[in-house]
Amino acid sequence: MSSIPHDQTSADTTGRGTHAVAGWLWALLAAGMLALLLLMGWQATHPAVLIEAVPPAMPAASPPLAAKPQPAPAVIDMDAEPIVGNPMPRYPADLLDAGIEGDVIARLQIDSSGRVTDAVIVSHQGQQDVRLDQAAIEALLQWRFHPALREGKAIASVVQVPVEFRTGR
C-alpha cells in the first residue's frame, strides 16, 4: 500500500481522465484556430465591411483663422510699363552715314493715363550729338505706357528709358 493518503472515490487509476481533458483542450485550440483563419479570410474578401467597422477618423484640426493662407491679392502696385508697338527713334541719316554711334538715357514723366508728358536726356554714352538726343525725345514723347499703380489706382510716375543708336557695321 501506499503511504500517501488520497481519496479513492475521485481518483482515476486508469489515466483516461487526463487524456480526455487533453483531447478537449486540443479540440478547443483547433476550433479557435479555425475560427481565426475563417475570420481573416472573410475580412480579406469583405474589405468594405472592415472599413465600415473602423470608426471614422477625426478631421484634422483647422489652423486658426490668422494662420490660413490668404489668396494673393490682385496686383495693386506696379511700375509703368511701355505698351507694345511704340515707335522707335529714327536714326538721323547723316549720323548713320558718318558712323556716329551713341547711347542716351531719357527720363520720362508719365501721367496717370499712361501718356508721356515730358522727356529729358539725363545721360550720354559714346559720341554725343544733339541730333541723337532730339531723335530719342521725338520718339519717346509719342510712347504710351500702362500707368503705374499704387494700391490699385493709376498714378503719375517717372521712368528712365535707354536708347541705343548703332550703325550695325
Protein backbone atom coordinates (compact mmCIF):
# COMPACT_ATOMS: atom_id res chain seq x y z
CA MET A 1 0.00 0.00 0.00
CA SER A 2 0.92 3.44 -0.44
CA SER A 3 1.94 5.82 2.26
CA ILE A 4 0.28 8.90 0.66
CA PRO A 5 -3.38 9.25 1.61
CA HIS A 6 -5.80 10.03 -1.20
CA ASP A 7 -9.50 9.95 -1.93
CA GLN A 8 -10.13 6.81 -3.84
CA THR A 9 -13.61 7.77 -4.98
CA SER A 10 -12.42 10.59 -7.23
CA ALA A 11 -9.16 9.12 -8.35
CA ASP A 12 -8.90 7.72 -11.86
CA THR A 13 -6.43 4.93 -11.78
CA THR A 14 -6.70 4.18 -15.50
CA GLY A 15 -5.29 7.57 -16.73
CA ARG A 16 -8.20 8.02 -19.13
CA GLY A 17 -9.33 11.30 -17.49
CA THR A 18 -6.08 13.06 -18.23
CA HIS A 19 -6.22 12.04 -21.87
CA ALA A 20 -9.81 13.16 -22.15
CA VAL A 21 -9.01 16.66 -20.81
CA ALA A 22 -6.01 16.97 -23.13
CA GLY A 23 -8.18 15.91 -26.07
CA TRP A 24 -10.78 18.55 -25.25
CA LEU A 25 -8.09 21.21 -24.96
CA TRP A 26 -6.63 20.23 -28.32
CA ALA A 27 -10.07 20.30 -29.93
CA LEU A 28 -10.80 23.71 -28.41
CA LEU A 29 -7.45 25.06 -29.65
CA ALA A 30 -8.08 23.69 -33.16
CA ALA A 31 -11.57 25.20 -33.23
CA GLY A 32 -10.17 28.59 -32.15
CA MET A 33 -7.52 28.50 -34.85
CA LEU A 34 -10.10 27.53 -37.47
CA ALA A 35 -12.34 30.39 -36.38
CA LEU A 36 -9.42 32.82 -36.57
CA LEU A 37 -8.46 31.64 -40.07
CA LEU A 38 -12.08 31.90 -41.24
CA LEU A 39 -12.37 35.40 -39.81
CA MET A 40 -9.16 36.51 -41.51
CA GLY A 41 -10.29 35.07 -44.84
CA TRP A 42 -13.70 36.71 -44.55
CA GLN A 43 -12.15 40.09 -43.79
CA ALA A 44 -9.86 39.79 -46.80
CA THR A 45 -12.84 39.17 -49.11
CA HIS A 46 -15.05 41.86 -47.49
CA PRO A 47 -12.87 44.96 -47.16
CA ALA A 48 -15.83 47.36 -47.32
CA VAL A 49 -17.27 45.85 -44.17
CA LEU A 50 -13.91 46.07 -42.49
CA ILE A 51 -13.58 49.76 -43.44
CA GLU A 52 -17.07 50.49 -42.16
CA ALA A 53 -16.28 48.79 -38.90
CA VAL A 54 -13.41 51.21 -38.24
CA PRO A 55 -14.60 54.42 -36.56
CA PRO A 56 -14.24 57.46 -38.83
CA ALA A 57 -11.05 59.41 -38.44
CA MET A 58 -11.31 62.78 -36.82
CA PRO A 59 -10.77 65.58 -39.35
CA ALA A 60 -7.50 67.43 -38.96
CA ALA A 61 -7.85 70.47 -36.81
CA SER A 62 -8.00 73.54 -38.99
CA PRO A 63 -5.42 76.20 -38.24
CA PRO A 64 -6.59 79.40 -36.60
CA LEU A 65 -8.06 81.96 -38.97
CA ALA A 66 -4.95 84.12 -38.85
CA ALA A 67 -2.76 81.17 -39.96
CA LYS A 68 -4.86 80.23 -43.00
CA PRO A 69 -3.13 81.22 -46.23
CA GLN A 70 -4.94 84.12 -47.80
CA PRO A 71 -5.37 84.30 -51.56
CA ALA A 72 -2.84 86.55 -53.19
CA PRO A 73 -4.31 89.98 -53.68
CA ALA A 74 -4.65 91.27 -57.20
CA VAL A 75 -1.61 93.20 -58.36
CA ILE A 76 -2.14 96.53 -56.71
CA ASP A 77 1.34 98.05 -57.00
CA MET A 78 3.02 98.13 -60.41
CA ASP A 79 5.54 100.34 -62.20
CA ALA A 80 4.65 101.94 -65.53
CA GLU A 81 5.36 99.62 -68.47
CA PRO A 82 5.60 100.64 -72.16
CA ILE A 83 2.88 99.21 -74.39
CA VAL A 84 3.74 97.09 -77.42
CA GLY A 85 4.08 98.96 -80.70
CA ASN A 86 5.59 102.23 -79.50
CA PRO A 87 7.55 103.97 -82.31
CA MET A 88 11.31 103.51 -82.35
CA PRO A 89 13.58 106.56 -82.65
CA ARG A 90 14.74 107.39 -86.20
CA TYR A 91 18.49 107.30 -86.67
CA PRO A 92 19.41 110.57 -88.38
CA ALA A 93 20.61 109.56 -91.85
CA ASP A 94 23.64 111.85 -91.88
CA LEU A 95 24.83 110.50 -88.50
CA LEU A 96 24.25 106.93 -89.67
CA ASP A 97 26.28 107.60 -92.85
CA ALA A 98 29.05 109.22 -90.79
CA GLY A 99 29.16 106.16 -88.46
CA ILE A 100 28.31 108.22 -85.35
CA GLU A 101 27.02 105.97 -82.59
CA GLY A 102 25.87 106.76 -79.10
CA ASP A 103 23.54 105.82 -76.28
CA VAL A 104 21.25 108.11 -74.35
CA ILE A 105 19.12 107.65 -71.27
CA ALA A 106 15.90 109.62 -71.16
CA ARG A 107 13.83 110.38 -68.06
CA LEU A 108 10.11 110.38 -68.88
CA GLN A 109 7.23 111.83 -66.88
CA ILE A 110 4.19 109.55 -67.28
CA ASP A 111 0.71 110.73 -66.28
CA SER A 112 -1.98 108.54 -64.70
CA SER A 113 -3.41 107.68 -68.12
CA GLY A 114 -0.03 106.40 -69.42
CA ARG A 115 0.89 109.36 -71.64
CA VAL A 116 4.38 110.88 -71.69
CA THR A 117 4.14 114.48 -70.51
CA ASP A 118 7.87 115.32 -70.51
CA ALA A 119 11.12 113.77 -71.71
CA VAL A 120 14.65 114.84 -70.77
CA ILE A 121 18.01 113.28 -71.68
CA VAL A 122 19.86 112.60 -68.42
CA SER A 123 22.88 110.64 -69.61
CA HIS A 124 25.06 110.01 -72.70
CA GLN A 125 27.48 107.28 -73.60
CA GLY A 126 29.64 107.10 -76.72
CA GLN A 127 29.62 110.01 -79.14
CA GLN A 128 27.37 112.83 -78.02
CA ASP A 129 25.33 114.57 -80.67
CA VAL A 130 22.28 116.77 -80.07
CA ARG A 131 20.57 115.19 -83.11
CA LEU A 132 20.64 111.77 -81.36
CA ASP A 133 19.08 113.42 -78.27
CA GLN A 134 16.37 115.06 -80.40
CA ALA A 135 15.58 111.82 -82.26
CA ALA A 136 15.20 109.97 -78.97
CA ILE A 137 12.96 112.65 -77.39
CA GLU A 138 10.80 112.98 -80.52
CA ALA A 139 10.02 109.24 -80.50
CA LEU A 140 9.67 108.88 -76.71
CA LEU A 141 7.10 111.71 -76.48
CA GLN A 142 4.83 109.53 -78.65
CA TRP A 143 5.12 106.48 -76.41
CA ARG A 144 2.23 105.17 -74.33
CA PHE A 145 2.50 103.22 -71.10
CA HIS A 146 0.40 101.07 -68.87
CA PRO A 147 0.31 103.55 -65.96
CA ALA A 148 1.93 102.84 -62.62
CA LEU A 149 -0.46 101.53 -59.95
CA ARG A 150 -0.37 102.13 -56.21
CA GLU A 151 -2.99 100.35 -54.15
CA GLY A 152 -4.79 99.56 -57.37
CA LYS A 153 -5.07 103.16 -58.57
CA ALA A 154 -3.29 104.64 -61.61
CA ILE A 155 -0.78 107.32 -60.67
CA ALA A 156 1.72 109.60 -62.38
CA SER A 157 5.28 108.29 -62.38
CA VAL A 158 8.79 108.73 -63.71
CA VAL A 159 10.71 106.13 -65.73
CA GLN A 160 14.12 106.04 -67.39
CA VAL A 161 14.46 104.58 -70.88
CA PRO A 162 17.80 103.73 -72.56
CA VAL A 163 18.03 104.37 -76.32
CA GLU A 164 20.89 102.94 -78.38
CA PHE A 165 21.96 104.29 -81.76
CA ARG A 166 24.18 101.71 -83.50
CA THR A 167 25.22 101.63 -87.14
CA GLY A 168 25.43 97.86 -87.31
CA ARG A 169 28.63 98.00 -89.32
